């Protein structure tokens, strides 16, 4: 799952495309299908961002239970 700006950027990058089914329903999901030159740091960034975005959709109780998004 990506932010809107990352979705727009990655949709045009080689080796990435809107995720089948999910993106066609308006969801901001990207699929990496062939990007052998992608740096590990770049992948780690997008995975961490995705984890954060998805975790924000959990209830506050579940976030606290999992020790997520605590300020």
PDB file of N, CA and C in Angstrom:
ATOM      1  N   UNK A   1       0.866  -1.156   0.000  1.00  0.00           N
ATOM      2  CA  UNK A   1       0.000   0.000   0.000  1.00  0.00           C
ATOM      3  C   UNK A   1       0.912   1.218   0.000  1.00  0.00           C
ATOM      4  N   UNK A   2       0.515   2.239  -0.740  1.00  0.00           N
ATOM      5  CA  UNK A   2       1.347   3.436  -0.839  1.00  0.00           C
ATOM      6  C   UNK A   2       0.529   4.693  -0.589  1.00  0.00           C
ATOM      7  N   UNK A   3       1.249   5.775  -0.368  1.00  0.00           N
ATOM      8  CA  UNK A   3       0.591   7.078  -0.326  1.00  0.00           C
ATOM      9  C   UNK A   3       0.196   7.433  -1.756  1.00  0.00           C
ATOM     10  N   UNK A   4      -0.645   8.422  -1.901  1.00  0.00           N
ATOM     11  CA  UNK A   4      -1.073   8.824  -3.243  1.00  0.00           C
ATOM     12  C   UNK A   4       0.112   9.282  -4.093  1.00  0.00           C
ATOM     13  N   UNK A   5       1.015  10.062  -3.495  1.00  0.00           N
ATOM     14  CA  UNK A   5       2.160  10.556  -4.272  1.00  0.00           C
ATOM     15  C   UNK A   5       3.098   9.414  -4.673  1.00  0.00           C
ATOM     16  N   UNK A   6       3.351   8.461  -3.765  1.00  0.00           N
ATOM     17  CA  UNK A   6       4.187   7.308  -4.118  1.00  0.00           C
ATOM     18  C   UNK A   6       3.505   6.453  -5.179  1.00  0.00           C
ATOM     19  N   UNK A   7       2.185   6.324  -5.098  1.00  0.00           N
ATOM     20  CA  UNK A   7       1.444   5.544  -6.094  1.00  0.00           C
ATOM     21  C   UNK A   7       1.620   6.148  -7.483  1.00  0.00           C
ATOM     22  N   UNK A   8       1.465   7.460  -7.570  1.00  0.00           N
ATOM     23  CA  UNK A   8       1.612   8.132  -8.863  1.00  0.00           C
ATOM     24  C   UNK A   8       3.042   8.009  -9.386  1.00  0.00           C
ATOM     25  N   UNK A   9       4.016   8.149  -8.504  1.00  0.00           N
ATOM     26  CA  UNK A   9       5.416   8.040  -8.903  1.00  0.00           C
ATOM     27  C   UNK A   9       5.760   6.616  -9.336  1.00  0.00           C
ATOM     28  N   UNK A  10       5.435   5.634  -8.500  1.00  0.00           N
ATOM     29  CA  UNK A  10       5.824   4.251  -8.786  1.00  0.00           C
ATOM     30  C   UNK A  10       5.070   3.653  -9.970  1.00  0.00           C
ATOM     31  N   UNK A  11       3.866   4.128 -10.226  1.00  0.00           N
ATOM     32  CA  UNK A  11       3.088   3.609 -11.361  1.00  0.00           C
ATOM     33  C   UNK A  11       3.817   3.813 -12.683  1.00  0.00           C
ATOM     34  N   UNK A  12       4.656   4.842 -12.749  1.00  0.00           N
ATOM     35  CA  UNK A  12       5.392   5.151 -13.980  1.00  0.00           C
ATOM     36  C   UNK A  12       6.826   4.620 -13.978  1.00  0.00           C
ATOM     37  N   UNK A  13       7.244   3.991 -12.889  1.00  0.00           N
ATOM     38  CA  UNK A  13       8.614   3.482 -12.791  1.00  0.00           C
ATOM     39  C   UNK A  13       8.713   2.079 -13.383  1.00  0.00           C
ATOM     40  N   UNK A  14       9.816   1.781 -14.077  1.00  0.00           N
ATOM     41  CA  UNK A  14      10.005   0.427 -14.612  1.00  0.00           C
ATOM     42  C   UNK A  14      10.038  -0.607 -13.482  1.00  0.00           C
ATOM     43  N   UNK A  15       9.349  -1.719 -13.679  1.00  0.00           N
ATOM     44  CA  UNK A  15       9.341  -2.791 -12.688  1.00  0.00           C
ATOM     45  C   UNK A  15       8.240  -2.685 -11.654  1.00  0.00           C
ATOM     46  N   UNK A  16       7.450  -1.627 -11.731  1.00  0.00           N
ATOM     47  CA  UNK A  16       6.338  -1.430 -10.798  1.00  0.00           C
ATOM     48  C   UNK A  16       5.065  -1.197 -11.599  1.00  0.00           C
ATOM     49  N   UNK A  17       3.942  -1.590 -11.024  1.00  0.00           N
ATOM     50  CA  UNK A  17       2.652  -1.322 -11.663  1.00  0.00           C
ATOM     51  C   UNK A  17       1.571  -1.313 -10.589  1.00  0.00           C
ATOM     52  N   UNK A  18       0.445  -0.668 -10.883  1.00  0.00           N
ATOM     53  CA  UNK A  18      -0.669  -0.741  -9.945  1.00  0.00           C
ATOM     54  C   UNK A  18      -1.045  -2.211  -9.737  1.00  0.00           C
ATOM     55  N   UNK A  19      -1.251  -2.597  -8.501  1.00  0.00           N
ATOM     56  CA  UNK A  19      -1.554  -3.994  -8.188  1.00  0.00           C
ATOM     57  C   UNK A  19      -2.873  -4.408  -8.836  1.00  0.00           C
ATOM     58  N   UNK A  20      -2.859  -5.541  -9.540  1.00  0.00           N
ATOM     59  CA  UNK A  20      -4.093  -6.023 -10.159  1.00  0.00           C
ATOM     60  C   UNK A  20      -5.184  -6.169  -9.101  1.00  0.00           C
ATOM     61  N   UNK A  21      -6.401  -5.919  -9.495  1.00  0.00           N
ATOM     62  CA  UNK A  21      -7.600  -6.020  -8.665  1.00  0.00           C
ATOM     63  C   UNK A  21      -7.679  -4.874  -7.655  1.00  0.00           C
ATOM     64  N   UNK A  22      -6.666  -4.702  -6.816  1.00  0.00           N
ATOM     65  CA  UNK A  22      -6.736  -3.672  -5.776  1.00  0.00           C
ATOM     66  C   UNK A  22      -6.732  -2.269  -6.366  1.00  0.00           C
ATOM     67  N   UNK A  23      -5.799  -1.978  -7.246  1.00  0.00           N
ATOM     68  CA  UNK A  23      -5.705  -0.637  -7.825  1.00  0.00           C
ATOM     69  C   UNK A  23      -6.910  -0.326  -8.701  1.00  0.00           C
ATOM     70  N   UNK A  24      -7.467  -1.345  -9.340  1.00  0.00           N
ATOM     71  CA  UNK A  24      -8.631  -1.104 -10.199  1.00  0.00           C
ATOM     72  C   UNK A  24      -9.861  -0.726  -9.380  1.00  0.00           C
ATOM     73  N   UNK A  25      -9.806  -0.918  -8.088  1.00  0.00           N
ATOM     74  CA  UNK A  25     -10.902  -0.543  -7.199  1.00  0.00           C
ATOM     75  C   UNK A  25     -10.587   0.726  -6.412  1.00  0.00           C
ATOM     76  N   UNK A  26      -9.605   1.475  -6.908  1.00  0.00           N
ATOM     77  CA  UNK A  26      -9.284   2.764  -6.309  1.00  0.00           C
ATOM     78  C   UNK A  26      -8.343   2.705  -5.125  1.00  0.00           C
ATOM     79  N   UNK A  27      -7.817   1.530  -4.815  1.00  0.00           N
ATOM     80  CA  UNK A  27      -6.891   1.405  -3.696  1.00  0.00           C
ATOM     81  C   UNK A  27      -5.477   1.706  -4.170  1.00  0.00           C
ATOM     82  N   UNK A  28      -4.668   2.273  -3.313  1.00  0.00           N
ATOM     83  CA  UNK A  28      -3.308   2.686  -3.662  1.00  0.00           C
ATOM     84  C   UNK A  28      -2.310   1.569  -3.354  1.00  0.00           C
ATOM     85  N   UNK A  29      -2.378   0.505  -4.123  1.00  0.00           N
ATOM     86  CA  UNK A  29      -1.465  -0.626  -3.954  1.00  0.00           C
ATOM     87  C   UNK A  29      -0.607  -0.755  -5.201  1.00  0.00           C
ATOM     88  N   UNK A  30       0.678  -1.010  -4.995  1.00  0.00           N
ATOM     89  CA  UNK A  30       1.643  -1.166  -6.089  1.00  0.00           C
ATOM     90  C   UNK A  30       2.223  -2.574  -6.034  1.00  0.00           C
ATOM     91  N   UNK A  31       2.461  -3.133  -7.202  1.00  0.00           N
ATOM     92  CA  UNK A  31       3.102  -4.441  -7.297  1.00  0.00           C
ATOM     93  C   UNK A  31       4.478  -4.267  -7.933  1.00  0.00           C
ATOM     94  N   UNK A  32       5.488  -4.835  -7.295  1.00  0.00           N
ATOM     95  CA  UNK A  32       6.818  -4.866  -7.908  1.00  0.00           C
ATOM     96  C   UNK A  32       6.893  -6.190  -8.651  1.00  0.00           C
ATOM     97  N   UNK A  33       7.086  -6.123  -9.961  1.00  0.00           N
ATOM     98  CA  UNK A  33       7.088  -7.360 -10.733  1.00  0.00           C
ATOM     99  C   UNK A  33       8.404  -7.630 -11.434  1.00  0.00           C
ATOM    100  N   UNK A  34       9.216  -6.636 -11.654  1.00  0.00           N
ATOM    101  CA  UNK A  34      10.488  -6.861 -12.333  1.00  0.00           C
ATOM    102  C   UNK A  34      11.359  -5.623 -12.179  1.00  0.00           C
ATOM    103  N   UNK A  35      12.001  -5.511 -11.050  1.00  0.00           N
ATOM    104  CA  UNK A  35      12.868  -4.358 -10.805  1.00  0.00           C
ATOM    105  C   UNK A  35      14.162  -4.841 -10.154  1.00  0.00           C
ATOM    106  N   UNK A  36      14.989  -5.573 -10.906  1.00  0.00           N
ATOM    107  CA  UNK A  36      16.199  -6.156 -10.319  1.00  0.00           C
ATOM    108  C   UNK A  36      17.222  -5.128  -9.836  1.00  0.00           C
ATOM    109  N   UNK A  37      17.163  -3.914 -10.343  1.00  0.00           N
ATOM    110  CA  UNK A  37      18.137  -2.894  -9.951  1.00  0.00           C
ATOM    111  C   UNK A  37      17.689  -2.065  -8.751  1.00  0.00           C
ATOM    112  N   UNK A  38      16.562  -2.425  -8.152  1.00  0.00           N
ATOM    113  CA  UNK A  38      16.050  -1.668  -7.016  1.00  0.00           C
ATOM    114  C   UNK A  38      16.986  -1.837  -5.818  1.00  0.00           C
ATOM    115  N   UNK A  39      17.350  -0.727  -5.218  1.00  0.00           N
ATOM    116  CA  UNK A  39      18.228  -0.735  -4.049  1.00  0.00           C
ATOM    117  C   UNK A  39      17.469  -1.248  -2.827  1.00  0.00           C
ATOM    118  N   UNK A  40      18.173  -1.955  -1.940  1.00  0.00           N
ATOM    119  CA  UNK A  40      17.559  -2.456  -0.714  1.00  0.00           C
ATOM    120  C   UNK A  40      16.975  -1.319   0.113  1.00  0.00           C
ATOM    121  N   UNK A  41      17.697  -0.192   0.202  1.00  0.00           N
ATOM    122  CA  UNK A  41      17.216   0.949   0.990  1.00  0.00           C
ATOM    123  C   UNK A  41      15.882   1.459   0.459  1.00  0.00           C
ATOM    124  N   UNK A  42      15.733   1.449  -0.845  1.00  0.00           N
ATOM    125  CA  UNK A  42      14.491   1.906  -1.463  1.00  0.00           C
ATOM    126  C   UNK A  42      13.342   0.959  -1.109  1.00  0.00           C
ATOM    127  N   UNK A  43      13.588  -0.337  -1.216  1.00  0.00           N
ATOM    128  CA  UNK A  43      12.554  -1.315  -0.866  1.00  0.00           C
ATOM    129  C   UNK A  43      12.179  -1.218   0.604  1.00  0.00           C
ATOM    130  N   UNK A  44      13.177  -1.085   1.462  1.00  0.00           N
ATOM    131  CA  UNK A  44      12.918  -0.962   2.898  1.00  0.00           C
ATOM    132  C   UNK A  44      12.047   0.258   3.169  1.00  0.00           C
ATOM    133  N   UNK A  45      12.348   1.381   2.533  1.00  0.00           N
ATOM    134  CA  UNK A  45      11.550   2.598   2.708  1.00  0.00           C
ATOM    135  C   UNK A  45      10.086   2.340   2.351  1.00  0.00           C
ATOM    136  N   UNK A  46       9.833   1.767   1.168  1.00  0.00           N
ATOM    137  CA  UNK A  46       8.453   1.551   0.727  1.00  0.00           C
ATOM    138  C   UNK A  46       7.732   0.516   1.583  1.00  0.00           C
ATOM    139  N   UNK A  47       8.435  -0.500   2.050  1.00  0.00           N
ATOM    140  CA  UNK A  47       7.810  -1.500   2.924  1.00  0.00           C
ATOM    141  C   UNK A  47       7.452  -0.879   4.270  1.00  0.00           C
ATOM    142  N   UNK A  48       8.351  -0.079   4.835  1.00  0.00           N
ATOM    143  CA  UNK A  48       8.062   0.589   6.108  1.00  0.00           C
ATOM    144  C   UNK A  48       6.900   1.566   5.970  1.00  0.00           C
ATOM    145  N   UNK A  49       6.864   2.314   4.869  1.00  0.00           N
ATOM    146  CA  UNK A  49       5.750   3.238   4.625  1.00  0.00           C
ATOM    147  C   UNK A  49       4.434   2.470   4.510  1.00  0.00           C
ATOM    148  N   UNK A  50       4.458   1.367   3.792  1.00  0.00           N
ATOM    149  CA  UNK A  50       3.263   0.549   3.622  1.00  0.00           C
ATOM    150  C   UNK A  50       2.777   0.027   4.974  1.00  0.00           C
ATOM    151  N   UNK A  51       3.693  -0.469   5.777  1.00  0.00           N
ATOM    152  CA  UNK A  51       3.351  -0.983   7.106  1.00  0.00           C
ATOM    153  C   UNK A  51       2.697   0.111   7.938  1.00  0.00           C
ATOM    154  N   UNK A  52       3.264   1.302   7.893  1.00  0.00           N
ATOM    155  CA  UNK A  52       2.720   2.423   8.662  1.00  0.00           C
ATOM    156  C   UNK A  52       1.311   2.788   8.184  1.00  0.00           C
ATOM    157  N   UNK A  53       1.120   2.884   6.879  1.00  0.00           N
ATOM    158  CA  UNK A  53      -0.194   3.242   6.329  1.00  0.00           C
ATOM    159  C   UNK A  53      -1.242   2.211   6.730  1.00  0.00           C
ATOM    160  N   UNK A  54      -0.905   0.939   6.608  1.00  0.00           N
ATOM    161  CA  UNK A  54      -1.852  -0.125   6.962  1.00  0.00           C
ATOM    162  C   UNK A  54      -2.141  -0.104   8.460  1.00  0.00           C
ATOM    163  N   UNK A  55      -1.124   0.124   9.281  1.00  0.00           N
ATOM    164  CA  UNK A  55      -1.321   0.124  10.733  1.00  0.00           C
ATOM    165  C   UNK A  55      -2.240   1.256  11.184  1.00  0.00           C
ATOM    166  N   UNK A  56      -2.265   2.356  10.436  1.00  0.00           N
ATOM    167  CA  UNK A  56      -3.157   3.464  10.789  1.00  0.00           C
ATOM    168  C   UNK A  56      -4.625   3.091  10.618  1.00  0.00           C
ATOM    169  N   UNK A  57      -4.903   2.052   9.852  1.00  0.00           N
ATOM    170  CA  UNK A  57      -6.273   1.585   9.659  1.00  0.00           C
ATOM    171  C   UNK A  57      -6.778   0.706  10.794  1.00  0.00           C
ATOM    172  N   UNK A  58      -5.886   0.317  11.707  1.00  0.00           N
ATOM    173  CA  UNK A  58      -6.290  -0.496  12.851  1.00  0.00           C
ATOM    174  C   UNK A  58      -6.936   0.383  13.913  1.00  0.00           C
ATOM    175  N   UNK A  59      -7.729  -0.227  14.757  1.00  0.00           N
ATOM    176  CA  UNK A  59      -8.326   0.524  15.861  1.00  0.00           C
ATOM    177  C   UNK A  59      -7.218   1.001  16.802  1.00  0.00           C
ATOM    178  N   UNK A  60      -7.501   2.033  17.567  1.00  0.00           N
ATOM    179  CA  UNK A  60      -6.503   2.530  18.527  1.00  0.00           C
ATOM    180  C   UNK A  60      -6.140   1.442  19.534  1.00  0.00           C
ATOM    181  N   UNK A  61      -7.141   0.672  19.920  1.00  0.00           N
ATOM    182  CA  UNK A  61      -6.902  -0.417  20.872  1.00  0.00           C
ATOM    183  C   UNK A  61      -5.915  -1.428  20.282  1.00  0.00           C
ATOM    184  N   UNK A  62      -6.123  -1.825  19.033  1.00  0.00           N
ATOM    185  CA  UNK A  62      -5.246  -2.803  18.386  1.00  0.00           C
ATOM    186  C   UNK A  62      -3.852  -2.206  18.176  1.00  0.00           C
ATOM    187  N   UNK A  63      -3.779  -0.913  17.825  1.00  0.00           N
ATOM    188  CA  UNK A  63      -2.476  -0.260  17.658  1.00  0.00           C
ATOM    189  C   UNK A  63      -1.700  -0.288  18.976  1.00  0.00           C
ATOM    190  N   UNK A  64      -2.403  -0.001  20.068  1.00  0.00           N
ATOM    191  CA  UNK A  64      -1.748  -0.006  21.375  1.00  0.00           C
ATOM    192  C   UNK A  64      -1.308  -1.417  21.743  1.00  0.00           C
ATOM    193  N   UNK A  65      -2.170  -2.383  21.481  1.00  0.00           N
ATOM    194  CA  UNK A  65      -1.862  -3.787  21.752  1.00  0.00           C
ATOM    195  C   UNK A  65      -0.585  -4.225  21.019  1.00  0.00           C
ATOM    196  N   UNK A  66      -0.426  -3.750  19.792  1.00  0.00           N
ATOM    197  CA  UNK A  66       0.725  -4.121  18.965  1.00  0.00           C
ATOM    198  C   UNK A  66       1.894  -3.145  19.096  1.00  0.00           C
ATOM    199  N   UNK A  67       1.722  -2.148  19.971  1.00  0.00           N
ATOM    200  CA  UNK A  67       2.742  -1.121  20.190  1.00  0.00           C
ATOM    201  C   UNK A  67       3.104  -0.398  18.891  1.00  0.00           C
ATOM    202  N   UNK A  68       2.076   0.043  18.177  1.00  0.00           N
ATOM    203  CA  UNK A  68       2.251   0.758  16.916  1.00  0.00           C
ATOM    204  C   UNK A  68       1.800   2.201  17.062  1.00  0.00           C
ATOM    205  N   UNK A  69       2.459   3.092  16.353  1.00  0.00           N
ATOM    206  CA  UNK A  69       2.054   4.496  16.247  1.00  0.00           C
ATOM    207  C   UNK A  69       1.863   5.167  17.596  1.00  0.00           C
ATOM    208  N   UNK A  70       2.672   4.798  18.562  1.00  0.00           N
ATOM    209  CA  UNK A  70       2.579   5.404  19.883  1.00  0.00           C
ATOM    210  C   UNK A  70       3.471   6.638  19.936  1.00  0.00           C
ATOM    211  N   UNK A  71       2.915   7.743  20.373  1.00  0.00           N
ATOM    212  CA  UNK A  71       3.696   8.988  20.480  1.00  0.00           C
ATOM    213  C   UNK A  71       4.156   9.208  21.885  1.00  0.00           C
TER     214      UNK A  71
END
